[in-house]
Amino acid sequence: MISVLTVNKYAAHRHLATGNSSIALDYKYLLGGTTAGEIVSDTCDAIQECLQLANMSARHKNDRIRIARKFYEQTNFPNCIGAVDGKHIRMRNPNEGRAQFFSYWNFFSTVLIAVADAD
């Protein structure tokens, strides 16, 4: 039997991973709208509490608010402070890294990942 806590975690993870609305969570996990919203809010608070000290200093809070506002103005994405993108960079076969750098496109590559703000 699956516990209620496990279902709640799945609901929060599904919302955060896919952006599904709380109505979709209501039908999928048989939760009320308020309950689903509280679960997602509590999960986000826990993630922020765990990661904020490690990754974001308090003095940059105004910068994050400014960047989020600019992202919303330019892209209509609320609460966004960075965009992540990646690209496979084709390269010659490194001498010792045969399997490690061989991509599923049948050539050798490395992955370049970048994060950018609204500008």
PDB file of N, CA and C in Angstrom:
ATOM      1  N   MET A   1       0.842  -1.187   0.000  1.00  0.00           N
ATOM      2  CA  MET A   1       0.000   0.000   0.000  1.00  0.00           C
ATOM      3  C   MET A   1       0.880   1.242   0.000  1.00  0.00           C
ATOM      4  N   ILE A   2       0.579   2.189  -0.838  1.00  0.00           N
ATOM      5  CA  ILE A   2       1.340   3.428  -0.946  1.00  0.00           C
ATOM      6  C   ILE A   2       0.817   4.412   0.085  1.00  0.00           C
ATOM      7  N   SER A   3       1.741   5.020   0.834  1.00  0.00           N
ATOM      8  CA  SER A   3       1.333   5.948   1.882  1.00  0.00           C
ATOM      9  C   SER A   3       0.917   7.284   1.271  1.00  0.00           C
ATOM     10  N   VAL A   4       0.189   8.060   2.060  1.00  0.00           N
ATOM     11  CA  VAL A   4      -0.254   9.381   1.628  1.00  0.00           C
ATOM     12  C   VAL A   4       0.953  10.290   1.417  1.00  0.00           C
ATOM     13  N   LEU A   5       1.971  10.163   2.275  1.00  0.00           N
ATOM     14  CA  LEU A   5       3.171  10.974   2.141  1.00  0.00           C
ATOM     15  C   LEU A   5       3.863  10.711   0.810  1.00  0.00           C
ATOM     16  N   THR A   6       3.926   9.452   0.383  1.00  0.00           N
ATOM     17  CA  THR A   6       4.547   9.102  -0.887  1.00  0.00           C
ATOM     18  C   THR A   6       3.773   9.716  -2.050  1.00  0.00           C
ATOM     19  N   VAL A   7       2.457   9.640  -1.998  1.00  0.00           N
ATOM     20  CA  VAL A   7       1.626  10.241  -3.052  1.00  0.00           C
ATOM     21  C   VAL A   7       1.850  11.742  -3.091  1.00  0.00           C
ATOM     22  N   ASN A   8       1.947  12.366  -1.930  1.00  0.00           N
ATOM     23  CA  ASN A   8       2.179  13.801  -1.874  1.00  0.00           C
ATOM     24  C   ASN A   8       3.512  14.177  -2.510  1.00  0.00           C
ATOM     25  N   LYS A   9       4.545  13.383  -2.245  1.00  0.00           N
ATOM     26  CA  LYS A   9       5.850  13.655  -2.848  1.00  0.00           C
ATOM     27  C   LYS A   9       5.781  13.526  -4.364  1.00  0.00           C
ATOM     28  N   TYR A  10       5.115  12.479  -4.843  1.00  0.00           N
ATOM     29  CA  TYR A  10       4.978  12.299  -6.294  1.00  0.00           C
ATOM     30  C   TYR A  10       4.242  13.474  -6.923  1.00  0.00           C
ATOM     31  N   ALA A  11       3.203  13.952  -6.261  1.00  0.00           N
ATOM     32  CA  ALA A  11       2.431  15.072  -6.791  1.00  0.00           C
ATOM     33  C   ALA A  11       3.304  16.322  -6.892  1.00  0.00           C
ATOM     34  N   ALA A  12       4.077  16.593  -5.852  1.00  0.00           N
ATOM     35  CA  ALA A  12       4.946  17.770  -5.868  1.00  0.00           C
ATOM     36  C   ALA A  12       6.017  17.635  -6.936  1.00  0.00           C
ATOM     37  N   HIS A  13       6.623  16.470  -7.046  1.00  0.00           N
ATOM     38  CA  HIS A  13       7.666  16.265  -8.051  1.00  0.00           C
ATOM     39  C   HIS A  13       7.098  16.372  -9.462  1.00  0.00           C
ATOM     40  N   ARG A  14       5.921  15.837  -9.691  1.00  0.00           N
ATOM     41  CA  ARG A  14       5.301  15.915 -11.017  1.00  0.00           C
ATOM     42  C   ARG A  14       5.051  17.371 -11.396  1.00  0.00           C
ATOM     43  N   HIS A  15       4.544  18.152 -10.454  1.00  0.00           N
ATOM     44  CA  HIS A  15       4.275  19.559 -10.737  1.00  0.00           C
ATOM     45  C   HIS A  15       5.569  20.310 -11.043  1.00  0.00           C
ATOM     46  N   LEU A  16       6.600  20.091 -10.230  1.00  0.00           N
ATOM     47  CA  LEU A  16       7.855  20.812 -10.426  1.00  0.00           C
ATOM     48  C   LEU A  16       8.566  20.374 -11.701  1.00  0.00           C
ATOM     49  N   ALA A  17       8.444  19.108 -12.068  1.00  0.00           N
ATOM     50  CA  ALA A  17       9.140  18.604 -13.258  1.00  0.00           C
ATOM     51  C   ALA A  17       8.418  18.960 -14.549  1.00  0.00           C
ATOM     52  N   THR A  18       7.098  18.977 -14.534  1.00  0.00           N
ATOM     53  CA  THR A  18       6.346  19.152 -15.775  1.00  0.00           C
ATOM     54  C   THR A  18       5.600  20.468 -15.859  1.00  0.00           C
ATOM     55  N   GLY A  19       5.366  21.102 -14.705  1.00  0.00           N
ATOM     56  CA  GLY A  19       4.591  22.331 -14.709  1.00  0.00           C
ATOM     57  C   GLY A  19       3.098  22.090 -14.844  1.00  0.00           C
ATOM     58  N   ASN A  20       2.659  20.847 -14.617  1.00  0.00           N
ATOM     59  CA  ASN A  20       1.231  20.548 -14.677  1.00  0.00           C
ATOM     60  C   ASN A  20       0.462  21.422 -13.692  1.00  0.00           C
ATOM     61  N   SER A  21      -0.746  21.748 -14.040  1.00  0.00           N
ATOM     62  CA  SER A  21      -1.565  22.577 -13.164  1.00  0.00           C
ATOM     63  C   SER A  21      -2.007  21.773 -11.944  1.00  0.00           C
ATOM     64  N   SER A  22      -2.468  22.498 -10.932  1.00  0.00           N
ATOM     65  CA  SER A  22      -2.945  21.799  -9.734  1.00  0.00           C
ATOM     66  C   SER A  22      -4.204  20.999 -10.034  1.00  0.00           C
ATOM     67  N   ILE A  23      -4.976  21.391 -11.047  1.00  0.00           N
ATOM     68  CA  ILE A  23      -6.169  20.619 -11.427  1.00  0.00           C
ATOM     69  C   ILE A  23      -5.762  19.256 -11.962  1.00  0.00           C
ATOM     70  N   ALA A  24      -4.693  19.214 -12.771  1.00  0.00           N
ATOM     71  CA  ALA A  24      -4.198  17.932 -13.275  1.00  0.00           C
ATOM     72  C   ALA A  24      -3.713  17.060 -12.124  1.00  0.00           C
ATOM     73  N   LEU A  25      -3.077  17.673 -11.120  1.00  0.00           N
ATOM     74  CA  LEU A  25      -2.638  16.909  -9.956  1.00  0.00           C
ATOM     75  C   LEU A  25      -3.828  16.391  -9.167  1.00  0.00           C
ATOM     76  N   ASP A  26      -4.903  17.193  -9.115  1.00  0.00           N
ATOM     77  CA  ASP A  26      -6.108  16.772  -8.397  1.00  0.00           C
ATOM     78  C   ASP A  26      -6.630  15.454  -8.956  1.00  0.00           C
ATOM     79  N   TYR A  27      -6.745  15.373 -10.274  1.00  0.00           N
ATOM     80  CA  TYR A  27      -7.295  14.176 -10.901  1.00  0.00           C
ATOM     81  C   TYR A  27      -6.325  13.002 -10.848  1.00  0.00           C
ATOM     82  N   LYS A  28      -5.055  13.276 -11.038  1.00  0.00           N
ATOM     83  CA  LYS A  28      -4.055  12.198 -11.090  1.00  0.00           C
ATOM     84  C   LYS A  28      -3.868  11.546  -9.722  1.00  0.00           C
ATOM     85  N   TYR A  29      -3.782  12.365  -8.668  1.00  0.00           N
ATOM     86  CA  TYR A  29      -3.462  11.846  -7.336  1.00  0.00           C
ATOM     87  C   TYR A  29      -4.624  11.938  -6.355  1.00  0.00           C
ATOM     88  N   LEU A  30      -5.791  12.320  -6.834  1.00  0.00           N
ATOM     89  CA  LEU A  30      -6.995  12.425  -6.002  1.00  0.00           C
ATOM     90  C   LEU A  30      -6.775  13.331  -4.797  1.00  0.00           C
ATOM     91  N   LEU A  31      -6.168  14.483  -5.067  1.00  0.00           N
ATOM     92  CA  LEU A  31      -5.927  15.480  -4.034  1.00  0.00           C
ATOM     93  C   LEU A  31      -6.793  16.697  -4.316  1.00  0.00           C
ATOM     94  N   GLY A  32      -7.169  17.410  -3.278  1.00  0.00           N
ATOM     95  CA  GLY A  32      -7.871  18.663  -3.464  1.00  0.00           C
ATOM     96  C   GLY A  32      -6.918  19.727  -3.977  1.00  0.00           C
ATOM     97  N   GLY A  33      -7.446  20.751  -4.611  1.00  0.00           N
ATOM     98  CA  GLY A  33      -6.610  21.811  -5.163  1.00  0.00           C
ATOM     99  C   GLY A  33      -5.768  22.501  -4.118  1.00  0.00           C
ATOM    100  N   THR A  34      -6.351  22.796  -2.967  1.00  0.00           N
ATOM    101  CA  THR A  34      -5.619  23.454  -1.898  1.00  0.00           C
ATOM    102  C   THR A  34      -4.519  22.554  -1.360  1.00  0.00           C
ATOM    103  N   THR A  35      -4.831  21.274  -1.205  1.00  0.00           N
ATOM    104  CA  THR A  35      -3.838  20.323  -0.705  1.00  0.00           C
ATOM    105  C   THR A  35      -2.659  20.212  -1.666  1.00  0.00           C
ATOM    106  N   ALA A  36      -2.935  20.095  -2.949  1.00  0.00           N
ATOM    107  CA  ALA A  36      -1.865  19.995  -3.944  1.00  0.00           C
ATOM    108  C   ALA A  36      -1.004  21.256  -3.922  1.00  0.00           C
ATOM    109  N   GLY A  37      -1.621  22.412  -3.822  1.00  0.00           N
ATOM    110  CA  GLY A  37      -0.876  23.668  -3.764  1.00  0.00           C
ATOM    111  C   GLY A  37       0.001  23.764  -2.533  1.00  0.00           C
ATOM    112  N   GLU A  38      -0.519  23.321  -1.391  1.00  0.00           N
ATOM    113  CA  GLU A  38       0.263  23.347  -0.156  1.00  0.00           C
ATOM    114  C   GLU A  38       1.456  22.401  -0.232  1.00  0.00           C
ATOM    115  N   ILE A  39       1.264  21.231  -0.842  1.00  0.00           N
ATOM    116  CA  ILE A  39       2.352  20.260  -0.979  1.00  0.00           C
ATOM    117  C   ILE A  39       3.464  20.837  -1.838  1.00  0.00           C
ATOM    118  N   VAL A  40       3.100  21.431  -2.963  1.00  0.00           N
ATOM    119  CA  VAL A  40       4.104  22.024  -3.860  1.00  0.00           C
ATOM    120  C   VAL A  40       4.802  23.178  -3.160  1.00  0.00           C
ATOM    121  N   SER A  41       4.062  24.026  -2.455  1.00  0.00           N
ATOM    122  CA  SER A  41       4.648  25.153  -1.743  1.00  0.00           C
ATOM    123  C   SER A  41       5.620  24.675  -0.659  1.00  0.00           C
ATOM    124  N   ASP A  42       5.217  23.672   0.118  1.00  0.00           N
ATOM    125  CA  ASP A  42       6.088  23.132   1.162  1.00  0.00           C
ATOM    126  C   ASP A  42       7.349  22.511   0.566  1.00  0.00           C
ATOM    127  N   THR A  43       7.208  21.825  -0.555  1.00  0.00           N
ATOM    128  CA  THR A  43       8.365  21.220  -1.216  1.00  0.00           C
ATOM    129  C   THR A  43       9.322  22.296  -1.711  1.00  0.00           C
ATOM    130  N   CYS A  44       8.793  23.337  -2.321  1.00  0.00           N
ATOM    131  CA  CYS A  44       9.650  24.433  -2.805  1.00  0.00           C
ATOM    132  C   CYS A  44      10.354  25.128  -1.645  1.00  0.00           C
ATOM    133  N   ASP A  45       9.651  25.320  -0.528  1.00  0.00           N
ATOM    134  CA  ASP A  45      10.280  25.935   0.644  1.00  0.00           C
ATOM    135  C   ASP A  45      11.421  25.076   1.165  1.00  0.00           C
ATOM    136  N   ALA A  46      11.219  23.756   1.193  1.00  0.00           N
ATOM    137  CA  ALA A  46      12.267  22.848   1.670  1.00  0.00           C
ATOM    138  C   ALA A  46      13.476  22.862   0.735  1.00  0.00           C
ATOM    139  N   ILE A  47      13.229  22.877  -0.563  1.00  0.00           N
ATOM    140  CA  ILE A  47      14.335  22.935  -1.532  1.00  0.00           C
ATOM    141  C   ILE A  47      15.103  24.240  -1.364  1.00  0.00           C
ATOM    142  N   GLN A  48      14.388  25.343  -1.231  1.00  0.00           N
ATOM    143  CA  GLN A  48      15.044  26.646  -1.070  1.00  0.00           C
ATOM    144  C   GLN A  48      15.861  26.685   0.216  1.00  0.00           C
ATOM    145  N   GLU A  49      15.309  26.152   1.295  1.00  0.00           N
ATOM    146  CA  GLU A  49      16.006  26.157   2.575  1.00  0.00           C
ATOM    147  C   GLU A  49      17.298  25.346   2.518  1.00  0.00           C
ATOM    148  N   CYS A  50      17.250  24.222   1.825  1.00  0.00           N
ATOM    149  CA  CYS A  50      18.440  23.369   1.718  1.00  0.00           C
ATOM    150  C   CYS A  50      19.500  23.957   0.801  1.00  0.00           C
ATOM    151  N   LEU A  51      19.088  24.558  -0.297  1.00  0.00           N
ATOM    152  CA  LEU A  51      20.047  24.996  -1.309  1.00  0.00           C
ATOM    153  C   LEU A  51      20.464  26.450  -1.220  1.00  0.00           C
ATOM    154  N   GLN A  52      19.682  27.277  -0.553  1.00  0.00           N
ATOM    155  CA  GLN A  52      19.960  28.706  -0.575  1.00  0.00           C
ATOM    156  C   GLN A  52      21.309  29.040   0.041  1.00  0.00           C
ATOM    157  N   LEU A  53      21.630  28.462   1.177  1.00  0.00           N
ATOM    158  CA  LEU A  53      22.892  28.791   1.819  1.00  0.00           C
ATOM    159  C   LEU A  53      24.081  28.301   0.998  1.00  0.00           C
ATOM    160  N   ALA A  54      23.904  27.197   0.303  1.00  0.00           N
ATOM    161  CA  ALA A  54      25.002  26.638  -0.478  1.00  0.00           C
ATOM    162  C   ALA A  54      25.223  27.401  -1.778  1.00  0.00           C
ATOM    163  N   ASN A  55      24.181  27.943  -2.384  1.00  0.00           N
ATOM    164  CA  ASN A  55      24.293  28.484  -3.736  1.00  0.00           C
ATOM    165  C   ASN A  55      23.968  29.963  -3.895  1.00  0.00           C
ATOM    166  N   MET A  56      23.163  30.533  -3.005  1.00  0.00           N
ATOM    167  CA  MET A  56      22.729  31.910  -3.211  1.00  0.00           C
ATOM    168  C   MET A  56      22.931  32.714  -1.930  1.00  0.00           C
ATOM    169  N   SER A  57      23.687  33.766  -2.021  1.00  0.00           N
ATOM    170  CA  SER A  57      23.880  34.607  -0.851  1.00  0.00           C
ATOM    171  C   SER A  57      22.738  35.621  -0.749  1.00  0.00           C
ATOM    172  N   ALA A  58      22.485  36.079   0.447  1.00  0.00           N
ATOM    173  CA  ALA A  58      21.363  36.986   0.689  1.00  0.00           C
ATOM    174  C   ALA A  58      21.584  38.349   0.039  1.00  0.00           C
ATOM    175  N   ARG A  59      22.834  38.773  -0.126  1.00  0.00           N
ATOM    176  CA  ARG A  59      23.076  40.105  -0.678  1.00  0.00           C
ATOM    177  C   ARG A  59      22.676  40.223  -2.142  1.00  0.00           C
ATOM    178  N   HIS A  60      22.520  39.104  -2.824  1.00  0.00           N
ATOM    179  CA  HIS A  60      22.147  39.136  -4.234  1.00  0.00           C
ATOM    180  C   HIS A  60      20.636  38.988  -4.445  1.00  0.00           C
ATOM    181  N   LYS A  61      19.868  39.075  -3.374  1.00  0.00           N
ATOM    182  CA  LYS A  61      18.414  38.914  -3.493  1.00  0.00           C
ATOM    183  C   LYS A  61      17.811  39.960  -4.425  1.00  0.00           C
ATOM    184  N   ASN A  62      18.235  41.192  -4.314  1.00  0.00           N
ATOM    185  CA  ASN A  62      17.706  42.247  -5.190  1.00  0.00           C
ATOM    186  C   ASN A  62      18.066  41.981  -6.646  1.00  0.00           C
ATOM    187  N   ASP A  63      19.264  41.438  -6.890  1.00  0.00           N
ATOM    188  CA  ASP A  63      19.661  41.091  -8.254  1.00  0.00           C
ATOM    189  C   ASP A  63      18.751  40.007  -8.818  1.00  0.00           C
ATOM    190  N   ARG A  64      18.457  38.994  -7.992  1.00  0.00           N
ATOM    191  CA  ARG A  64      17.582  37.910  -8.455  1.00  0.00           C
ATOM    192  C   ARG A  64      16.178  38.423  -8.757  1.00  0.00           C
ATOM    193  N   ILE A  65      15.679  39.320  -7.951  1.00  0.00           N
ATOM    194  CA  ILE A  65      14.351  39.891  -8.185  1.00  0.00           C
ATOM    195  C   ILE A  65      14.352  40.698  -9.488  1.00  0.00           C
ATOM    196  N   ARG A  66      15.404  41.482  -9.720  1.00  0.00           N
ATOM    197  CA  ARG A  66      15.516  42.278 -10.948  1.00  0.00           C
ATOM    198  C   ARG A  66      15.594  41.376 -12.178  1.00  0.00           C
ATOM    199  N   ILE A  67      16.394  40.317 -12.093  1.00  0.00           N
ATOM    200  CA  ILE A  67      16.534  39.390 -13.220  1.00  0.00           C
ATOM    201  C   ILE A  67      15.212  38.676 -13.488  1.00  0.00           C
ATOM    202  N   ALA A  68      14.528  38.237 -12.425  1.00  0.00           N
ATOM    203  CA  ALA A  68      13.239  37.555 -12.600  1.00  0.00           C
ATOM    204  C   ALA A  68      12.217  38.491 -13.251  1.00  0.00           C
ATOM    205  N   ARG A  69      12.217  39.750 -12.851  1.00  0.00           N
ATOM    206  CA  ARG A  69      11.286  40.720 -13.435  1.00  0.00           C
ATOM    207  C   ARG A  69      11.584  40.912 -14.929  1.00  0.00           C
ATOM    208  N   LYS A  70      12.875  40.995 -15.258  1.00  0.00           N
ATOM    209  CA  LYS A  70      13.270  41.188 -16.654  1.00  0.00           C
ATOM    210  C   LYS A  70      12.929  39.953 -17.499  1.00  0.00           C
ATOM    211  N   PHE A  71      13.155  38.742 -16.943  1.00  0.00           N
ATOM    212  CA  PHE A  71      12.766  37.528 -17.652  1.00  0.00           C
ATOM    213  C   PHE A  71      11.274  37.533 -17.941  1.00  0.00           C
ATOM    214  N   TYR A  72      10.486  37.912 -16.948  1.00  0.00           N
ATOM    215  CA  TYR A  72       9.040  37.924 -17.137  1.00  0.00           C
ATOM    216  C   TYR A  72       8.635  38.928 -18.217  1.00  0.00           C
ATOM    217  N   GLU A  73       9.251  40.093 -18.209  1.00  0.00           N
ATOM    218  CA  GLU A  73       8.930  41.114 -19.211  1.00  0.00           C
ATOM    219  C   GLU A  73       9.284  40.659 -20.625  1.00  0.00           C
ATOM    220  N   GLN A  74      10.414  39.976 -20.778  1.00  0.00           N
ATOM    221  CA  GLN A  74      10.892  39.598 -22.103  1.00  0.00           C
ATOM    222  C   GLN A  74      10.331  38.275 -22.611  1.00  0.00           C
ATOM    223  N   THR A  75      10.092  37.324 -21.705  1.00  0.00           N
ATOM    224  CA  THR A  75       9.721  35.974 -22.147  1.00  0.00           C
ATOM    225  C   THR A  75       8.396  35.473 -21.600  1.00  0.00           C
ATOM    226  N   ASN A  76       7.802  36.202 -20.649  1.00  0.00           N
ATOM    227  CA  ASN A  76       6.561  35.802 -20.005  1.00  0.00           C
ATOM    228  C   ASN A  76       6.724  34.527 -19.171  1.00  0.00           C
ATOM    229  N   PHE A  77       7.959  34.268 -18.686  1.00  0.00           N
ATOM    230  CA  PHE A  77       8.221  33.178 -17.745  1.00  0.00           C
ATOM    231  C   PHE A  77       8.322  33.775 -16.352  1.00  0.00           C
ATOM    232  N   PRO A  78       7.368  33.486 -15.466  1.00  0.00           N
ATOM    233  CA  PRO A  78       7.451  34.052 -14.118  1.00  0.00           C
ATOM    234  C   PRO A  78       8.476  33.308 -13.261  1.00  0.00           C
ATOM    235  N   ASN A  79       9.088  34.023 -12.319  1.00  0.00           N
ATOM    236  CA  ASN A  79       9.991  33.454 -11.318  1.00  0.00           C
ATOM    237  C   ASN A  79      11.190  32.739 -11.919  1.00  0.00           C
ATOM    238  N   CYS A  80      11.687  33.201 -13.034  1.00  0.00           N
ATOM    239  CA  CYS A  80      12.828  32.588 -13.704  1.00  0.00           C
ATOM    240  C   CYS A  80      14.033  33.502 -13.544  1.00  0.00           C
ATOM    241  N   ILE A  81      15.180  32.942 -13.096  1.00  0.00           N
ATOM    242  CA  ILE A  81      16.379  33.769 -12.946  1.00  0.00           C
ATOM    243  C   ILE A  81      17.530  33.265 -13.804  1.00  0.00           C
ATOM    244  N   GLY A  82      17.294  32.235 -14.611  1.00  0.00           N
ATOM    245  CA  GLY A  82      18.349  31.752 -15.487  1.00  0.00           C
ATOM    246  C   GLY A  82      17.808  30.778 -16.507  1.00  0.00           C
ATOM    247  N   ALA A  83      18.409  30.806 -17.689  1.00  0.00           N
ATOM    248  CA  ALA A  83      18.047  29.870 -18.742  1.00  0.00           C
ATOM    249  C   ALA A  83      19.243  28.961 -18.997  1.00  0.00           C
ATOM    250  N   VAL A  84      19.006  27.655 -19.073  1.00  0.00           N
ATOM    251  CA  VAL A  84      20.069  26.675 -19.266  1.00  0.00           C
ATOM    252  C   VAL A  84      19.913  26.063 -20.651  1.00  0.00           C
ATOM    253  N   ASP A  85      21.022  25.936 -21.350  1.00  0.00           N
ATOM    254  CA  ASP A  85      21.003  25.284 -22.657  1.00  0.00           C
ATOM    255  C   ASP A  85      22.295  24.515 -22.825  1.00  0.00           C
ATOM    256  N   GLY A  86      22.260  23.500 -23.655  1.00  0.00           N
ATOM    257  CA  GLY A  86      23.443  22.691 -23.895  1.00  0.00           C
ATOM    258  C   GLY A  86      23.606  22.383 -25.366  1.00  0.00           C
ATOM    259  N   LYS A  87      24.829  22.057 -25.741  1.00  0.00           N
ATOM    260  CA  LYS A  87      25.129  21.758 -27.133  1.00  0.00           C
ATOM    261  C   LYS A  87      26.258  20.737 -27.173  1.00  0.00           C
ATOM    262  N   HIS A  88      26.113  19.775 -28.089  1.00  0.00           N
ATOM    263  CA  HIS A  88      27.203  18.833 -28.332  1.00  0.00           C
ATOM    264  C   HIS A  88      28.218  19.505 -29.245  1.00  0.00           C
ATOM    265  N   ILE A  89      29.470  19.521 -28.820  1.00  0.00           N
ATOM    266  CA  ILE A  89      30.548  20.085 -29.616  1.00  0.00           C
ATOM    267  C   ILE A  89      31.331  18.916 -30.212  1.00  0.00           C
ATOM    268  N   ARG A  90      31.304  18.827 -31.534  1.00  0.00           N
ATOM    269  CA  ARG A  90      32.007  17.745 -32.222  1.00  0.00           C
ATOM    270  C   ARG A  90      33.512  17.915 -32.042  1.00  0.00           C
ATOM    271  N   MET A  91      34.227  16.786 -31.832  1.00  0.00           N
ATOM    272  CA  MET A  91      35.673  16.844 -31.645  1.00  0.00           C
ATOM    273  C   MET A  91      36.326  15.580 -32.183  1.00  0.00           C
ATOM    274  N   ARG A  92      37.621  15.619 -32.286  1.00  0.00           N
ATOM    275  CA  ARG A  92      38.364  14.431 -32.703  1.00  0.00           C
ATOM    276  C   ARG A  92      38.393  13.422 -31.578  1.00  0.00           C
ATOM    277  N   ASN A  93      38.628  12.184 -31.913  1.00  0.00           N
ATOM    278  CA  ASN A  93      38.692  11.117 -30.938  1.00  0.00           C
ATOM    279  C   ASN A  93      39.872  11.334 -29.993  1.00  0.00           C
ATOM    280  N   PRO A  94      39.591  11.530 -28.706  1.00  0.00           N
ATOM    281  CA  PRO A  94      40.696  11.634 -27.756  1.00  0.00           C
ATOM    282  C   PRO A  94      41.342  10.253 -27.579  1.00  0.00           C
ATOM    283  N   ASN A  95      42.621  10.226 -27.337  1.00  0.00           N
ATOM    284  CA  ASN A  95      43.369   8.966 -27.291  1.00  0.00           C
ATOM    285  C   ASN A  95      42.838   7.980 -26.265  1.00  0.00           C
ATOM    286  N   GLU A  96      42.504   8.447 -25.061  1.00  0.00           N
ATOM    287  CA  GLU A  96      42.117   7.519 -23.999  1.00  0.00           C
ATOM    288  C   GLU A  96      40.634   7.572 -23.656  1.00  0.00           C
ATOM    289  N   GLY A  97      39.840   8.349 -24.329  1.00  0.00           N
ATOM    290  CA  GLY A  97      38.451   8.516 -23.944  1.00  0.00           C
ATOM    291  C   GLY A  97      37.474   8.010 -24.980  1.00  0.00           C
ATOM    292  N   ARG A  98      37.723   6.872 -25.543  1.00  0.00           N
ATOM    293  CA  ARG A  98      36.921   6.408 -26.682  1.00  0.00           C
ATOM    294  C   ARG A  98      35.430   6.318 -26.363  1.00  0.00           C
ATOM    295  N   ALA A  99      35.047   5.547 -25.378  1.00  0.00           N
ATOM    296  CA  ALA A  99      33.623   5.361 -25.088  1.00  0.00           C
ATOM    297  C   ALA A  99      33.038   6.570 -24.369  1.00  0.00           C
ATOM    298  N   GLN A 100      33.841   7.229 -23.576  1.00  0.00           N
ATOM    299  CA  GLN A 100      33.350   8.341 -22.771  1.00  0.00           C
ATOM    300  C   GLN A 100      32.855   9.506 -23.621  1.00  0.00           C
ATOM    301  N   PHE A 101      33.480   9.765 -24.745  1.00  0.00           N
ATOM    302  CA  PHE A 101      33.133  10.917 -25.573  1.00  0.00           C
ATOM    303  C   PHE A 101      32.361  10.546 -26.834  1.00  0.00           C
ATOM    304  N   PHE A 102      31.990   9.287 -26.995  1.00  0.00           N
ATOM    305  CA  PHE A 102      31.273   8.866 -28.196  1.00  0.00           C
ATOM    306  C   PHE A 102      29.786   9.087 -27.981  1.00  0.00           C
ATOM    307  N   SER A 103      29.158   9.918 -28.816  1.00  0.00           N
ATOM    308  CA  SER A 103      27.752  10.264 -28.620  1.00  0.00           C
ATOM    309  C   SER A 103      26.845   9.293 -29.382  1.00  0.00           C
ATOM    310  N   TYR A 104      25.575   9.366 -29.096  1.00  0.00           N
ATOM    311  CA  TYR A 104      24.607   8.502 -29.775  1.00  0.00           C
ATOM    312  C   TYR A 104      24.373   8.936 -31.219  1.00  0.00           C
ATOM    313  N   TRP A 105      24.972  10.039 -31.652  1.00  0.00           N
ATOM    314  CA  TRP A 105      24.899  10.453 -33.058  1.00  0.00           C
ATOM    315  C   TRP A 105      26.056   9.871 -33.881  1.00  0.00           C
ATOM    316  N   ASN A 106      26.802   8.960 -33.254  1.00  0.00           N
ATOM    317  CA  ASN A 106      27.914   8.261 -33.893  1.00  0.00           C
ATOM    318  C   ASN A 106      29.076   9.181 -34.254  1.00  0.00           C
ATOM    319  N   PHE A 107      29.368  10.138 -33.399  1.00  0.00           N
ATOM    320  CA  PHE A 107      30.605  10.915 -33.522  1.00  0.00           C
ATOM    321  C   PHE A 107      31.066  11.294 -32.120  1.00  0.00           C
ATOM    322  N   PHE A 108      32.306  11.700 -32.010  1.00  0.00           N
ATOM    323  CA  PHE A 108      32.864  12.086 -30.725  1.00  0.00           C
ATOM    324  C   PHE A 108      32.493  13.530 -30.421  1.00  0.00           C
ATOM    325  N   SER A 109      32.087  13.763 -29.190  1.00  0.00           N
ATOM    326  CA  SER A 109      31.693  15.114 -28.815  1.00  0.00           C
ATOM    327  C   SER A 109      31.826  15.296 -27.311  1.00  0.00           C
ATOM    328  N   THR A 110      31.807  16.533 -26.904  1.00  0.00           N
ATOM    329  CA  THR A 110      31.701  16.891 -25.501  1.00  0.00           C
ATOM    330  C   THR A 110      30.512  17.839 -25.375  1.00  0.00           C
ATOM    331  N   VAL A 111      29.969  17.959 -24.189  1.00  0.00           N
ATOM    332  CA  VAL A 111      28.768  18.769 -24.013  1.00  0.00           C
ATOM    333  C   VAL A 111      29.145  20.099 -23.358  1.00  0.00           C
ATOM    334  N   LEU A 112      28.695  21.161 -23.977  1.00  0.00           N
ATOM    335  CA  LEU A 112      28.858  22.499 -23.431  1.00  0.00           C
ATOM    336  C   LEU A 112      27.505  22.925 -22.875  1.00  0.00           C
ATOM    337  N   ILE A 113      27.474  23.277 -21.595  1.00  0.00           N
ATOM    338  CA  ILE A 113      26.239  23.719 -20.962  1.00  0.00           C
ATOM    339  C   ILE A 113      26.468  25.128 -20.423  1.00  0.00           C
ATOM    340  N   ALA A 114      25.507  26.015 -20.661  1.00  0.00           N
ATOM    341  CA  ALA A 114      25.641  27.401 -20.236  1.00  0.00           C
ATOM    342  C   ALA A 114      24.365  27.866 -19.543  1.00  0.00           C
ATOM    343  N   VAL A 115      24.519  28.798 -18.631  1.00  0.00           N
ATOM    344  CA  VAL A 115      23.397  29.437 -17.946  1.00  0.00           C
ATOM    345  C   VAL A 115      23.475  30.919 -18.253  1.00  0.00           C
ATOM    346  N   ALA A 116      22.345  31.514 -18.607  1.00  0.00           N
ATOM    347  CA  ALA A 116      22.320  32.936 -18.948  1.00  0.00           C
ATOM    348  C   ALA A 116      21.180  33.633 -18.218  1.00  0.00           C
ATOM    349  N   ASP A 117      21.375  34.907 -17.937  1.00  0.00           N
ATOM    350  CA  ASP A 117      20.294  35.679 -17.349  1.00  0.00           C
ATOM    351  C   ASP A 117      19.449  36.291 -18.470  1.00  0.00           C
ATOM    352  N   ALA A 118      18.591  37.225 -18.154  1.00  0.00           N
ATOM    353  CA  ALA A 118      17.654  37.753 -19.142  1.00  0.00           C
ATOM    354  C   ALA A 118      18.335  38.533 -20.254  1.00  0.00           C
ATOM    355  N   ASP A 119      19.513  39.042 -20.012  1.00  0.00           N
ATOM    356  CA  ASP A 119      20.221  39.796 -21.041  1.00  0.00           C
ATOM    357  C   ASP A 119      21.073  38.894 -21.908  1.00  0.00           C
TER     358      ASP A 119
END
